[in-house]
Protein backbone atom coordinates (compact mmCIF):
# COMPACT_ATOMS: atom_id res chain seq x y z
CA MET A 1 2.35 -169.08 -161.08
CA CYS A 2 -0.36 -167.48 -161.69
CA SER A 3 -1.27 -164.04 -161.59
CA LEU A 4 -5.25 -162.70 -160.52
CA GLN A 5 -5.42 -158.56 -161.23
CA ILE A 6 -8.34 -157.29 -160.03
CA PRO A 7 -9.10 -153.75 -161.69
CA ASP A 8 -8.92 -151.23 -158.89
CA GLU A 9 -12.08 -149.62 -159.69
CA VAL A 10 -12.91 -152.87 -158.43
CA LEU A 11 -10.77 -153.24 -155.39
CA GLN A 12 -11.99 -149.48 -154.72
CA GLU A 13 -16.10 -150.47 -154.80
CA ALA A 14 -15.52 -153.14 -152.62
CA GLY A 15 -13.17 -150.58 -150.28
CA MET A 16 -10.66 -152.87 -150.27
CA THR A 17 -6.59 -152.78 -150.63
CA GLY A 18 -5.25 -155.95 -152.88
CA ASP A 19 -3.87 -156.79 -149.29
CA ASP A 20 -7.81 -157.08 -148.41
CA ALA A 21 -8.74 -158.92 -151.45
CA LEU A 22 -6.39 -161.67 -150.82
CA LEU A 23 -6.88 -162.46 -147.34
CA GLU A 24 -10.43 -162.44 -147.98
CA LEU A 25 -9.48 -164.91 -150.41
CA ALA A 26 -7.44 -166.70 -147.89
CA LEU A 27 -10.14 -166.71 -145.43
CA ARG A 28 -12.71 -167.99 -147.88
CA LEU A 29 -11.10 -170.49 -149.59
CA PHE A 30 -9.87 -172.09 -145.59
CA GLU A 31 -13.28 -171.97 -144.76
CA THR A 32 -14.78 -173.25 -147.43
CA GLY A 33 -12.14 -176.65 -146.28
CA ARG A 34 -10.28 -175.65 -149.78
CA LEU A 35 -6.72 -174.47 -148.34
CA SER A 36 -5.32 -176.00 -145.02
CA LEU A 37 -4.10 -173.20 -143.01
CA PRO A 38 -0.43 -173.28 -143.39
CA SER A 39 -1.45 -172.59 -147.54
CA ALA A 40 -3.95 -169.88 -146.53
CA ALA A 41 -1.69 -168.34 -144.75
CA ARG A 42 1.04 -167.94 -147.21
CA LEU A 43 -1.30 -166.75 -150.26
CA ALA A 44 -2.98 -163.83 -147.16
CA ARG A 45 1.14 -163.13 -147.07
CA LEU A 46 0.73 -163.97 -143.13
CA ASP A 47 2.72 -166.06 -140.94
CA ARG A 48 0.66 -168.44 -139.04
CA SER A 49 -0.27 -166.51 -136.18
CA ALA A 50 -1.86 -163.47 -137.84
CA MET A 51 -3.17 -165.70 -139.66
CA GLU A 52 -5.13 -167.38 -137.10
CA ASP A 53 -6.06 -164.06 -135.34
CA ALA A 54 -7.35 -162.93 -139.27
CA LEU A 55 -9.53 -165.87 -138.87
CA LEU A 56 -10.71 -165.01 -135.14
CA ALA A 57 -11.73 -161.85 -135.76
CA HIS A 58 -13.55 -162.84 -138.63
CA ARG A 59 -15.20 -165.51 -136.37
CA ILE A 60 -14.27 -168.96 -138.65
CA PRO A 61 -13.40 -171.36 -136.91
CA VAL A 62 -9.39 -172.11 -137.01
CA TYR A 63 -9.89 -175.90 -135.48
CA LYS A 64 -12.83 -177.89 -137.37
CA PRO A 65 -12.85 -181.11 -135.42
CA ALA A 66 -14.47 -184.56 -137.67
CA VAL A 67 -16.96 -186.96 -136.26
CA GLU A 68 -13.87 -189.17 -136.11
CA ASP A 69 -12.74 -186.91 -133.75
CA PHE A 70 -15.79 -186.25 -131.00
CA ILE A 71 -15.56 -190.42 -131.56
CA ASN A 72 -11.91 -191.21 -130.52
CA ASP A 73 -12.25 -188.29 -127.62
CA LEU A 74 -15.30 -190.02 -126.79
CA ASP A 75 -13.67 -193.38 -126.06
CA ALA A 76 -10.62 -191.77 -124.33
CA LEU A 77 -12.96 -190.71 -122.38
CA GLN A 78 -14.48 -193.83 -121.81
CA ARG A 79 -11.33 -195.14 -121.04
CA SER A 80 -9.93 -192.84 -118.55
CA THR A 81 -13.18 -193.36 -116.28
CA ASP A 82 -12.86 -196.83 -115.94
């Protein structure tokens, strides 16, 4: 396990608590695709629902559909109208 230490002065300068910093890190790692939602929630010490709320509050999409998802959806729509 890695231990990350952020000096109190840095947190104070940023106007953050340690929990705020963990959440910010988790949000950014999720946003960039480096962490899954469950892993980001664990890092932020939140349950899934609270993590989703935090993502929405920071205007970060919870779900990021891939191009394949859109293609599959279009195929399904076309099949349903045939």
